Amino acid sequence: MSQTVSQRLPSLGPGLTNYLAEIRKFPILTREEETTLGRRWRNHGDREAAYHLVTSHLRLVAKIAMGYRGYGLPIADIISEGNVGLMQAVRRFDPERGIRLSTYAMWWIKATIQEFVLRSWSLVKITADAAQKKLFFKLRQSKSAISALEDGDLRPEQVKTIATYLKVPEREVVNMDRRLRGDLSLNLRHNDAGDDGDALERLVDPSPTHDVALADNQELAQRRQALAAAIEKLSPRERHIFTARHLSEDPPRLEALALEYGISRERVRQIEQRSFEKVQSAMLAAESRSGVTVRC
């Protein structure tokens, strides 16, 4: 599916601005349209349906890719990698689970982009542990949160704050910060922060669309509240397995949870599925009461 669909997607070759203008022409699907197309693809292998599912979410990829402009890589390459993740998500999308494709696909898009960024940087290898990956991607965000974006070394109190927040040794914060600042000064492409970047900010933020709604603070707060309430209704074991498998940055394998609880891998899978259905049902009920979409 990926090769056939990718051949029909707008090309990034002529320029980023042209690409962004092209992807805005694809319509955003309603929930009903998305479900119908998802069934056509899943049940019948309908490539045209897969194409419509992919193209309706290209703006979501571009929006997510914006968050990775600060790593000295061409934004066009980042978007291309994100599109690969989107197609992987479409291939595995199950419309019967009641989750919007945008919610499901964002994790595939982010994972694919992050792996691309890691492959492109010599200082962090793919084999880096979860803490190192988290530090790599969260350091700039953490510095911004405490207004520590100056060119020089972090102050000791800033290092301590970030290390505590990210749960890594202070020395690793210092080393990663120096490497990031040094490599970025050599590798940053001018067109990443120039007119094309500004155009991207403008062009990938149409409203109202369901992908932009994902970033809406009010709706996000309501979804989080509904999710927290739904999780509270689970048994302790269900809550732990659901949280570990669906809300962790580095989800454990089924085998690891099976060993922890002294049960079979299949039993863990059943508990995970049952807890997911309970959370989904509770959130749909919350959606019905509030009139606002709160997706799990």
C-alpha atoms as a PDB file:
ATOM      1  CA  MET A   1       0.000   0.000   0.000  1.00  0.00           C
ATOM      2  CA  SER A   2       2.725   2.482   0.988  1.00  0.00           C
ATOM      3  CA  GLN A   3       4.481   2.563  -2.385  1.00  0.00           C
ATOM      4  CA  THR A   4       1.279   2.979  -4.393  1.00  0.00           C
ATOM      5  CA  VAL A   5      -0.101   5.715  -2.146  1.00  0.00           C
ATOM      6  CA  SER A   6       3.211   7.547  -1.765  1.00  0.00           C
ATOM      7  CA  GLN A   7       3.570   7.798  -5.538  1.00  0.00           C
ATOM      8  CA  ARG A   8       0.315   9.786  -5.655  1.00  0.00           C
ATOM      9  CA  LEU A   9       1.089  12.179  -2.815  1.00  0.00           C
ATOM     10  CA  PRO A  10       2.080  15.795  -3.538  1.00  0.00           C
ATOM     11  CA  SER A  11       5.813  16.174  -4.023  1.00  0.00           C
ATOM     12  CA  LEU A  12       8.029  18.164  -1.676  1.00  0.00           C
ATOM     13  CA  GLY A  13      10.454  18.717  -4.545  1.00  0.00           C
ATOM     14  CA  PRO A  14       9.055  21.980  -5.994  1.00  0.00           C
ATOM     15  CA  GLY A  15       9.245  23.681  -2.595  1.00  0.00           C
ATOM     16  CA  LEU A  16       7.723  23.549   0.828  1.00  0.00           C
ATOM     17  CA  THR A  17       5.268  26.386   0.253  1.00  0.00           C
ATOM     18  CA  ASN A  18       3.842  24.692  -2.842  1.00  0.00           C
ATOM     19  CA  TYR A  19       3.539  21.394  -0.982  1.00  0.00           C
ATOM     20  CA  LEU A  20       1.645  22.998   1.877  1.00  0.00           C
ATOM     21  CA  ALA A  21      -0.711  24.691  -0.538  1.00  0.00           C
ATOM     22  CA  GLU A  22      -1.372  21.349  -2.220  1.00  0.00           C
ATOM     23  CA  ILE A  23      -2.148  19.395   0.940  1.00  0.00           C
ATOM     24  CA  ARG A  24      -4.649  22.032   2.051  1.00  0.00           C
ATOM     25  CA  LYS A  25      -6.758  21.059  -0.949  1.00  0.00           C
ATOM     26  CA  PHE A  26      -7.503  17.607   0.481  1.00  0.00           C
ATOM     27  CA  PRO A  27     -10.758  17.554   2.472  1.00  0.00           C
ATOM     28  CA  ILE A  28     -10.894  16.687   6.161  1.00  0.00           C
ATOM     29  CA  LEU A  29     -13.041  13.600   6.670  1.00  0.00           C
ATOM     30  CA  THR A  30     -16.008  13.372   8.995  1.00  0.00           C
ATOM     31  CA  ARG A  31     -16.082  10.516  11.506  1.00  0.00           C
ATOM     32  CA  GLU A  32     -18.609   8.652   9.332  1.00  0.00           C
ATOM     33  CA  GLU A  33     -16.532   9.077   6.156  1.00  0.00           C
ATOM     34  CA  GLU A  34     -13.417   7.948   7.983  1.00  0.00           C
ATOM     35  CA  THR A  35     -15.146   4.839   9.322  1.00  0.00           C
ATOM     36  CA  THR A  36     -16.495   3.916   5.889  1.00  0.00           C
ATOM     37  CA  LEU A  37     -13.115   4.346   4.211  1.00  0.00           C
ATOM     38  CA  GLY A  38     -11.393   2.473   7.029  1.00  0.00           C
ATOM     39  CA  ARG A  39     -13.701  -0.506   6.559  1.00  0.00           C
ATOM     40  CA  ARG A  40     -13.173  -0.480   2.802  1.00  0.00           C
ATOM     41  CA  TRP A  41      -9.415  -0.590   3.303  1.00  0.00           C
ATOM     42  CA  ARG A  42      -9.381  -3.083   6.180  1.00  0.00           C
ATOM     43  CA  ASN A  43     -11.956  -5.497   4.763  1.00  0.00           C
ATOM     44  CA  HIS A  44     -11.364  -5.221   1.026  1.00  0.00           C
ATOM     45  CA  GLY A  45      -7.861  -3.779   0.589  1.00  0.00           C
ATOM     46  CA  ASP A  46      -9.331  -0.768  -1.237  1.00  0.00           C
ATOM     47  CA  ARG A  47      -6.263   1.341  -2.108  1.00  0.00           C
ATOM     48  CA  GLU A  48      -8.379   4.319  -3.103  1.00  0.00           C
ATOM     49  CA  ALA A  49      -9.878   4.343   0.386  1.00  0.00           C
ATOM     50  CA  ALA A  50      -6.379   4.179   1.886  1.00  0.00           C
ATOM     51  CA  TYR A  51      -5.329   7.100  -0.314  1.00  0.00           C
ATOM     52  CA  HIS A  52      -8.173   9.277   0.986  1.00  0.00           C
ATOM     53  CA  LEU A  53      -7.360   8.343   4.590  1.00  0.00           C
ATOM     54  CA  VAL A  54      -3.723   9.340   4.092  1.00  0.00           C
ATOM     55  CA  THR A  55      -4.284  12.588   2.200  1.00  0.00           C
ATOM     56  CA  SER A  56      -6.867  13.830   4.688  1.00  0.00           C
ATOM     57  CA  HIS A  57      -4.197  13.697   7.409  1.00  0.00           C
ATOM     58  CA  LEU A  58      -1.195  15.202   5.603  1.00  0.00           C
ATOM     59  CA  ARG A  59      -1.780  18.502   7.418  1.00  0.00           C
ATOM     60  CA  LEU A  60      -1.512  16.668  10.725  1.00  0.00           C
ATOM     61  CA  VAL A  61       1.912  15.342   9.695  1.00  0.00           C
ATOM     62  CA  ALA A  62       3.091  18.823   8.732  1.00  0.00           C
ATOM     63  CA  LYS A  63       1.879  20.241  12.025  1.00  0.00           C
ATOM     64  CA  ILE A  64       3.666  17.577  14.071  1.00  0.00           C
ATOM     65  CA  ALA A  65       6.825  17.950  11.977  1.00  0.00           C
ATOM     66  CA  MET A  66       6.943  21.620  12.982  1.00  0.00           C
ATOM     67  CA  GLY A  67       7.846  20.566  16.502  1.00  0.00           C
ATOM     68  CA  TYR A  68      11.104  19.003  15.256  1.00  0.00           C
ATOM     69  CA  ARG A  69      12.532  21.964  13.332  1.00  0.00           C
ATOM     70  CA  GLY A  70      15.126  22.674  16.012  1.00  0.00           C
ATOM     71  CA  TYR A  71      17.347  19.675  15.316  1.00  0.00           C
ATOM     72  CA  GLY A  72      19.193  21.026  12.284  1.00  0.00           C
ATOM     73  CA  LEU A  73      17.413  18.816   9.745  1.00  0.00           C
ATOM     74  CA  PRO A  74      15.524  19.924   6.603  1.00  0.00           C
ATOM     75  CA  ILE A  75      11.846  20.263   7.399  1.00  0.00           C
ATOM     76  CA  ALA A  76      10.999  18.586   4.081  1.00  0.00           C
ATOM     77  CA  ASP A  77      12.837  15.435   5.183  1.00  0.00           C
ATOM     78  CA  ILE A  78      11.058  15.455   8.532  1.00  0.00           C
ATOM     79  CA  ILE A  79       7.661  15.740   6.829  1.00  0.00           C
ATOM     80  CA  SER A  80       8.552  12.886   4.465  1.00  0.00           C
ATOM     81  CA  GLU A  81       9.402  10.647   7.408  1.00  0.00           C
ATOM     82  CA  GLY A  82       6.178  11.663   9.142  1.00  0.00           C
ATOM     83  CA  ASN A  83       4.231  10.683   6.037  1.00  0.00           C
ATOM     84  CA  VAL A  84       5.783   7.215   6.254  1.00  0.00           C
ATOM     85  CA  GLY A  85       4.527   6.946   9.829  1.00  0.00           C
ATOM     86  CA  LEU A  86       1.083   8.079   8.723  1.00  0.00           C
ATOM     87  CA  MET A  87       0.906   5.348   6.094  1.00  0.00           C
ATOM     88  CA  GLN A  88       1.954   2.759   8.674  1.00  0.00           C
ATOM     89  CA  ALA A  89      -0.867   3.967  10.908  1.00  0.00           C
ATOM     90  CA  VAL A  90      -3.413   3.751   8.094  1.00  0.00           C
ATOM     91  CA  ARG A  91      -2.267   0.210   7.299  1.00  0.00           C
ATOM     92  CA  ARG A  92      -2.986  -0.844  10.897  1.00  0.00           C
ATOM     93  CA  PHE A  93      -6.017   1.345  11.559  1.00  0.00           C
ATOM     94  CA  ASP A  94      -9.067  -0.476  12.919  1.00  0.00           C
ATOM     95  CA  PRO A  95     -12.204   1.663  12.454  1.00  0.00           C
ATOM     96  CA  GLU A  96     -14.213  -0.638  14.738  1.00  0.00           C
ATOM     97  CA  ARG A  97     -12.331   0.524  17.834  1.00  0.00           C
ATOM     98  CA  GLY A  98     -14.092   3.884  17.725  1.00  0.00           C
ATOM     99  CA  ILE A  99     -10.899   5.967  17.753  1.00  0.00           C
ATOM    100  CA  ARG A 100     -10.322   8.716  15.206  1.00  0.00           C
ATOM    101  CA  LEU A 101      -7.436   8.056  12.854  1.00  0.00           C
ATOM    102  CA  SER A 102      -5.821  11.368  13.820  1.00  0.00           C
ATOM    103  CA  THR A 103      -5.528  10.230  17.443  1.00  0.00           C
ATOM    104  CA  TYR A 104      -4.116   6.835  16.470  1.00  0.00           C
ATOM    105  CA  ALA A 105      -1.811   8.145  13.752  1.00  0.00           C
ATOM    106  CA  MET A 106      -0.114  10.862  15.783  1.00  0.00           C
ATOM    107  CA  TRP A 107       1.855   8.269  17.763  1.00  0.00           C
ATOM    108  CA  TRP A 108       3.069   6.541  14.609  1.00  0.00           C
ATOM    109  CA  ILE A 109       3.994   9.890  13.063  1.00  0.00           C
ATOM    110  CA  LYS A 110       5.939  11.032  16.122  1.00  0.00           C
ATOM    111  CA  ALA A 111       7.702   7.687  16.512  1.00  0.00           C
ATOM    112  CA  THR A 112       8.813   7.645  12.873  1.00  0.00           C
ATOM    113  CA  ILE A 113      10.054  11.243  12.997  1.00  0.00           C
ATOM    114  CA  GLN A 114      11.895  10.673  16.257  1.00  0.00           C
ATOM    115  CA  GLU A 115      13.667   7.599  14.915  1.00  0.00           C
ATOM    116  CA  PHE A 116      14.680   9.628  11.841  1.00  0.00           C
ATOM    117  CA  VAL A 117      16.066  12.425  14.010  1.00  0.00           C
ATOM    118  CA  LEU A 118      17.979   9.918  16.149  1.00  0.00           C
ATOM    119  CA  ARG A 119      19.433   8.223  13.056  1.00  0.00           C
ATOM    120  CA  SER A 120      20.552  11.596  11.759  1.00  0.00           C
ATOM    121  CA  TRP A 121      22.411  12.591  14.917  1.00  0.00           C
ATOM    122  CA  SER A 122      25.728  10.955  15.734  1.00  0.00           C
ATOM    123  CA  LEU A 123      25.525  11.833  19.439  1.00  0.00           C
ATOM    124  CA  VAL A 124      22.474   9.632  20.187  1.00  0.00           C
ATOM    125  CA  LYS A 125      22.278   6.147  18.691  1.00  0.00           C
ATOM    126  CA  ILE A 126      19.139   4.112  18.124  1.00  0.00           C
ATOM    127  CA  THR A 127      20.311   1.848  20.930  1.00  0.00           C
ATOM    128  CA  ALA A 128      20.180   4.723  23.438  1.00  0.00           C
ATOM    129  CA  ASP A 129      18.068   3.889  26.449  1.00  0.00           C
ATOM    130  CA  ALA A 130      14.660   5.439  27.073  1.00  0.00           C
ATOM    131  CA  ALA A 131      16.064   8.060  29.469  1.00  0.00           C
ATOM    132  CA  GLN A 132      18.595   9.285  26.888  1.00  0.00           C
ATOM    133  CA  LYS A 133      15.947   9.506  24.179  1.00  0.00           C
ATOM    134  CA  LYS A 134      13.665  11.428  26.505  1.00  0.00           C
ATOM    135  CA  LEU A 135      16.486  13.819  27.403  1.00  0.00           C
ATOM    136  CA  PHE A 136      17.327  14.334  23.740  1.00  0.00           C
ATOM    137  CA  PHE A 137      13.798  15.297  22.746  1.00  0.00           C
ATOM    138  CA  LYS A 138      12.670  17.010  25.952  1.00  0.00           C
ATOM    139  CA  LEU A 139      15.704  19.150  26.786  1.00  0.00           C
ATOM    140  CA  ARG A 140      14.835  22.106  24.556  1.00  0.00           C
ATOM    141  CA  GLN A 141      11.232  22.080  25.761  1.00  0.00           C
ATOM    142  CA  SER A 142      12.382  21.955  29.381  1.00  0.00           C
ATOM    143  CA  LYS A 143      14.807  24.851  28.848  1.00  0.00           C
ATOM    144  CA  SER A 144      12.035  26.891  27.289  1.00  0.00           C
ATOM    145  CA  ALA A 145       9.754  26.223  30.260  1.00  0.00           C
ATOM    146  CA  ILE A 146      12.289  27.785  32.643  1.00  0.00           C
ATOM    147  CA  SER A 147      13.432  30.499  30.180  1.00  0.00           C
ATOM    148  CA  ALA A 148      16.909  29.002  29.836  1.00  0.00           C
ATOM    149  CA  LEU A 149      17.473  29.412  26.102  1.00  0.00           C
ATOM    150  CA  GLU A 150      20.617  31.580  26.169  1.00  0.00           C
ATOM    151  CA  ASP A 151      23.701  30.407  24.242  1.00  0.00           C
ATOM    152  CA  GLY A 152      25.935  29.743  27.252  1.00  0.00           C
ATOM    153  CA  ASP A 153      25.987  26.843  29.697  1.00  0.00           C
ATOM    154  CA  LEU A 154      23.013  26.270  31.936  1.00  0.00           C
ATOM    155  CA  ARG A 155      23.247  27.628  35.451  1.00  0.00           C
ATOM    156  CA  PRO A 156      23.577  25.013  38.233  1.00  0.00           C
ATOM    157  CA  GLU A 157      20.041  25.605  39.491  1.00  0.00           C
ATOM    158  CA  GLN A 158      18.686  25.224  35.954  1.00  0.00           C
ATOM    159  CA  VAL A 159      20.567  21.963  35.484  1.00  0.00           C
ATOM    160  CA  LYS A 160      19.185  20.650  38.755  1.00  0.00           C
ATOM    161  CA  THR A 161      15.616  21.624  37.843  1.00  0.00           C
ATOM    162  CA  ILE A 162      15.780  19.927  34.434  1.00  0.00           C
ATOM    163  CA  ALA A 163      17.525  16.819  35.772  1.00  0.00           C
ATOM    164  CA  THR A 164      14.884  16.419  38.457  1.00  0.00           C
ATOM    165  CA  TYR A 165      12.033  16.898  35.993  1.00  0.00           C
ATOM    166  CA  LEU A 166      13.439  14.476  33.412  1.00  0.00           C
ATOM    167  CA  LYS A 167      14.787  12.038  36.055  1.00  0.00           C
ATOM    168  CA  VAL A 168      18.335  11.901  34.678  1.00  0.00           C
ATOM    169  CA  PRO A 169      21.732  12.726  36.249  1.00  0.00           C
ATOM    170  CA  GLU A 170      22.734  16.399  36.177  1.00  0.00           C
ATOM    171  CA  ARG A 171      25.939  15.572  34.268  1.00  0.00           C
ATOM    172  CA  GLU A 172      23.893  14.096  31.414  1.00  0.00           C
ATOM    173  CA  VAL A 173      21.863  17.307  31.170  1.00  0.00           C
ATOM    174  CA  VAL A 174      25.054  19.368  30.905  1.00  0.00           C
ATOM    175  CA  ASN A 175      26.631  17.052  28.311  1.00  0.00           C
ATOM    176  CA  MET A 176      23.517  16.820  26.160  1.00  0.00           C
ATOM    177  CA  ASP A 177      22.977  20.578  26.266  1.00  0.00           C
ATOM    178  CA  ARG A 178      26.535  21.269  25.113  1.00  0.00           C
ATOM    179  CA  ARG A 179      26.319  18.720  22.318  1.00  0.00           C
ATOM    180  CA  LEU A 180      22.986  20.015  21.089  1.00  0.00           C
ATOM    181  CA  ARG A 181      24.130  23.618  21.077  1.00  0.00           C
ATOM    182  CA  GLY A 182      27.424  22.774  19.389  1.00  0.00           C
ATOM    183  CA  ASP A 183      26.026  20.544  16.661  1.00  0.00           C
ATOM    184  CA  LEU A 184      23.050  22.787  15.954  1.00  0.00           C
ATOM    185  CA  SER A 185      25.305  25.761  15.295  1.00  0.00           C
ATOM    186  CA  LEU A 186      27.073  23.721  12.593  1.00  0.00           C
ATOM    187  CA  ASN A 187      24.138  21.816  11.112  1.00  0.00           C
ATOM    188  CA  LEU A 188      21.170  24.205  11.155  1.00  0.00           C
ATOM    189  CA  ARG A 189      19.836  24.876   7.654  1.00  0.00           C
ATOM    190  CA  HIS A 190      18.854  28.453   7.031  1.00  0.00           C
ATOM    191  CA  ASN A 191      15.658  27.531   5.229  1.00  0.00           C
ATOM    192  CA  ASP A 192      14.415  25.730   8.341  1.00  0.00           C
ATOM    193  CA  ALA A 193      13.948  28.991  10.183  1.00  0.00           C
ATOM    194  CA  GLY A 194      13.274  31.297   7.264  1.00  0.00           C
ATOM    195  CA  ASP A 195      10.287  32.219   5.139  1.00  0.00           C
ATOM    196  CA  ASP A 196       9.257  28.629   4.537  1.00  0.00           C
ATOM    197  CA  GLY A 197       9.064  28.061   8.269  1.00  0.00           C
ATOM    198  CA  ASP A 198       6.834  31.065   8.711  1.00  0.00           C
ATOM    199  CA  ALA A 199       4.678  29.934   5.807  1.00  0.00           C
ATOM    200  CA  LEU A 200       4.338  26.529   7.406  1.00  0.00           C
ATOM    201  CA  GLU A 201       3.083  28.095  10.618  1.00  0.00           C
ATOM    202  CA  ARG A 202       0.399  29.862   8.649  1.00  0.00           C
ATOM    203  CA  LEU A 203      -0.530  27.130   6.212  1.00  0.00           C
ATOM    204  CA  VAL A 204      -0.830  24.139   8.537  1.00  0.00           C
ATOM    205  CA  ASP A 205      -3.064  25.864  11.036  1.00  0.00           C
ATOM    206  CA  PRO A 206      -6.466  26.004   9.275  1.00  0.00           C
ATOM    207  CA  SER A 207      -9.570  25.920  11.435  1.00  0.00           C
ATOM    208  CA  PRO A 208     -11.720  24.294  12.355  1.00  0.00           C
ATOM    209  CA  THR A 209     -10.331  20.803  11.589  1.00  0.00           C
ATOM    210  CA  HIS A 210     -10.047  17.746  13.786  1.00  0.00           C
ATOM    211  CA  ASP A 211      -6.229  17.725  13.612  1.00  0.00           C
ATOM    212  CA  VAL A 212      -5.993  21.341  14.832  1.00  0.00           C
ATOM    213  CA  ALA A 213      -8.568  20.528  17.528  1.00  0.00           C
ATOM    214  CA  LEU A 214      -6.052  18.082  19.002  1.00  0.00           C
ATOM    215  CA  ALA A 215      -4.005  21.078  20.080  1.00  0.00           C
ATOM    216  CA  ASP A 216      -6.915  23.088  21.423  1.00  0.00           C
ATOM    217  CA  ASN A 217      -6.271  23.648  25.110  1.00  0.00           C
ATOM    218  CA  GLN A 218      -9.854  23.551  26.283  1.00  0.00           C
ATOM    219  CA  GLU A 219     -10.709  20.334  24.501  1.00  0.00           C
ATOM    220  CA  LEU A 220      -7.429  18.781  25.567  1.00  0.00           C
ATOM    221  CA  ALA A 221      -8.172  19.579  29.199  1.00  0.00           C
ATOM    222  CA  GLN A 222     -11.612  17.976  28.914  1.00  0.00           C
ATOM    223  CA  ARG A 223     -10.147  14.845  27.321  1.00  0.00           C
ATOM    224  CA  ARG A 224      -7.557  14.538  30.061  1.00  0.00           C
ATOM    225  CA  GLN A 225     -10.189  14.945  32.732  1.00  0.00           C
ATOM    226  CA  ALA A 226     -12.399  12.325  31.091  1.00  0.00           C
ATOM    227  CA  LEU A 227      -9.456   9.958  30.670  1.00  0.00           C
ATOM    228  CA  ALA A 228      -8.412  10.319  34.319  1.00  0.00           C
ATOM    229  CA  ALA A 229     -11.973   9.642  35.473  1.00  0.00           C
ATOM    230  CA  ALA A 230     -12.241   6.607  33.214  1.00  0.00           C
ATOM    231  CA  ILE A 231      -8.961   5.143  34.461  1.00  0.00           C
ATOM    232  CA  GLU A 232     -10.069   5.552  38.069  1.00  0.00           C
ATOM    233  CA  LYS A 233     -12.923   3.122  37.394  1.00  0.00           C
ATOM    234  CA  LEU A 234     -10.517   0.326  36.486  1.00  0.00           C
ATOM    235  CA  SER A 235      -9.279  -2.254  38.952  1.00  0.00           C
ATOM    236  CA  PRO A 236      -5.685  -1.739  40.157  1.00  0.00           C
ATOM    237  CA  ARG A 237      -4.351  -4.417  37.796  1.00  0.00           C
ATOM    238  CA  GLU A 238      -6.332  -3.109  34.834  1.00  0.00           C
ATOM    239  CA  ARG A 239      -5.214   0.441  35.610  1.00  0.00           C
ATOM    240  CA  HIS A 240      -1.552  -0.541  35.743  1.00  0.00           C
ATOM    241  CA  ILE A 241      -1.645  -2.554  32.526  1.00  0.00           C
ATOM    242  CA  PHE A 242      -3.659   0.074  30.647  1.00  0.00           C
ATOM    243  CA  THR A 243      -1.393   2.903  31.790  1.00  0.00           C
ATOM    244  CA  ALA A 244       1.782   0.967  31.042  1.00  0.00           C
ATOM    245  CA  ARG A 245       0.685  -0.113  27.575  1.00  0.00           C
ATOM    246  CA  HIS A 246      -1.119   3.024  26.375  1.00  0.00           C
ATOM    247  CA  LEU A 247       0.205   6.020  28.314  1.00  0.00           C
ATOM    248  CA  SER A 248       3.911   5.279  28.744  1.00  0.00           C
ATOM    249  CA  GLU A 249       6.636   6.719  26.534  1.00  0.00           C
ATOM    250  CA  ASP A 250       8.326   3.308  26.500  1.00  0.00           C
ATOM    251  CA  PRO A 251       5.516   0.704  26.769  1.00  0.00           C
ATOM    252  CA  PRO A 252       6.597  -2.641  28.245  1.00  0.00           C
ATOM    253  CA  ARG A 253       6.122  -5.826  26.259  1.00  0.00           C
ATOM    254  CA  LEU A 254       3.270  -8.161  27.105  1.00  0.00           C
ATOM    255  CA  GLU A 255       5.811 -10.727  28.243  1.00  0.00           C
ATOM    256  CA  ALA A 256       7.216  -8.332  30.850  1.00  0.00           C
ATOM    257  CA  LEU A 257       3.782  -7.653  32.333  1.00  0.00           C
ATOM    258  CA  ALA A 258       2.945 -11.357  32.255  1.00  0.00           C
ATOM    259  CA  LEU A 259       6.065 -12.099  34.281  1.00  0.00           C
ATOM    260  CA  GLU A 260       5.263  -9.294  36.729  1.00  0.00           C
ATOM    261  CA  TYR A 261       1.778 -10.656  37.452  1.00  0.00           C
ATOM    262  CA  GLY A 262       2.560 -14.343  37.066  1.00  0.00           C
ATOM    263  CA  ILE A 263       0.005 -14.839  34.288  1.00  0.00           C
ATOM    264  CA  SER A 264       0.169 -15.699  30.603  1.00  0.00           C
ATOM    265  CA  ARG A 265       0.931 -13.241  27.823  1.00  0.00           C
ATOM    266  CA  GLU A 266      -2.511 -13.883  26.350  1.00  0.00           C
ATOM    267  CA  ARG A 267      -4.145 -13.089  29.686  1.00  0.00           C
ATOM    268  CA  VAL A 268      -2.332  -9.758  29.804  1.00  0.00           C
ATOM    269  CA  ARG A 269      -3.533  -9.018  26.274  1.00  0.00           C
ATOM    270  CA  GLN A 270      -7.114  -9.800  27.310  1.00  0.00           C
ATOM    271  CA  ILE A 271      -6.879  -7.517  30.346  1.00  0.00           C
ATOM    272  CA  GLU A 272      -5.399  -4.766  28.198  1.00  0.00           C
ATOM    273  CA  GLN A 273      -8.221  -5.095  25.662  1.00  0.00           C
ATOM    274  CA  ARG A 274     -10.898  -5.193  28.358  1.00  0.00           C
ATOM    275  CA  SER A 275      -9.490  -2.135  30.135  1.00  0.00           C
ATOM    276  CA  PHE A 276      -9.239  -0.271  26.837  1.00  0.00           C
ATOM    277  CA  GLU A 277     -12.890  -0.999  26.088  1.00  0.00           C
ATOM    278  CA  LYS A 278     -13.908   0.184  29.552  1.00  0.00           C
ATOM    279  CA  VAL A 279     -11.983   3.438  29.158  1.00  0.00           C
ATOM    280  CA  GLN A 280     -13.356   3.934  25.658  1.00  0.00           C
ATOM    281  CA  SER A 281     -16.917   3.384  26.856  1.00  0.00           C
ATOM    282  CA  ALA A 282     -16.491   5.801  29.758  1.00  0.00           C
ATOM    283  CA  MET A 283     -15.004   8.482  27.511  1.00  0.00           C
ATOM    284  CA  LEU A 284     -17.735   8.097  24.912  1.00  0.00           C
ATOM    285  CA  ALA A 285     -20.265   8.524  27.704  1.00  0.00           C
ATOM    286  CA  ALA A 286     -18.445  11.674  28.797  1.00  0.00           C
ATOM    287  CA  GLU A 287     -18.493  12.896  25.206  1.00  0.00           C
ATOM    288  CA  SER A 288     -22.247  12.341  25.015  1.00  0.00           C
ATOM    289  CA  ARG A 289     -22.819  14.299  28.225  1.00  0.00           C
ATOM    290  CA  SER A 290     -20.575  17.240  27.350  1.00  0.00           C
ATOM    291  CA  GLY A 291     -21.154  17.424  23.624  1.00  0.00           C
ATOM    292  CA  VAL A 292     -17.387  17.695  23.127  1.00  0.00           C
ATOM    293  CA  THR A 293     -15.293  14.986  21.485  1.00  0.00           C
ATOM    294  CA  VAL A 294     -13.040  13.384  24.083  1.00  0.00           C
ATOM    295  CA  ARG A 295     -11.011  10.690  22.398  1.00  0.00           C
ATOM    296  CA  CYS A 296      -9.054   7.938  24.152  1.00  0.00           C
END
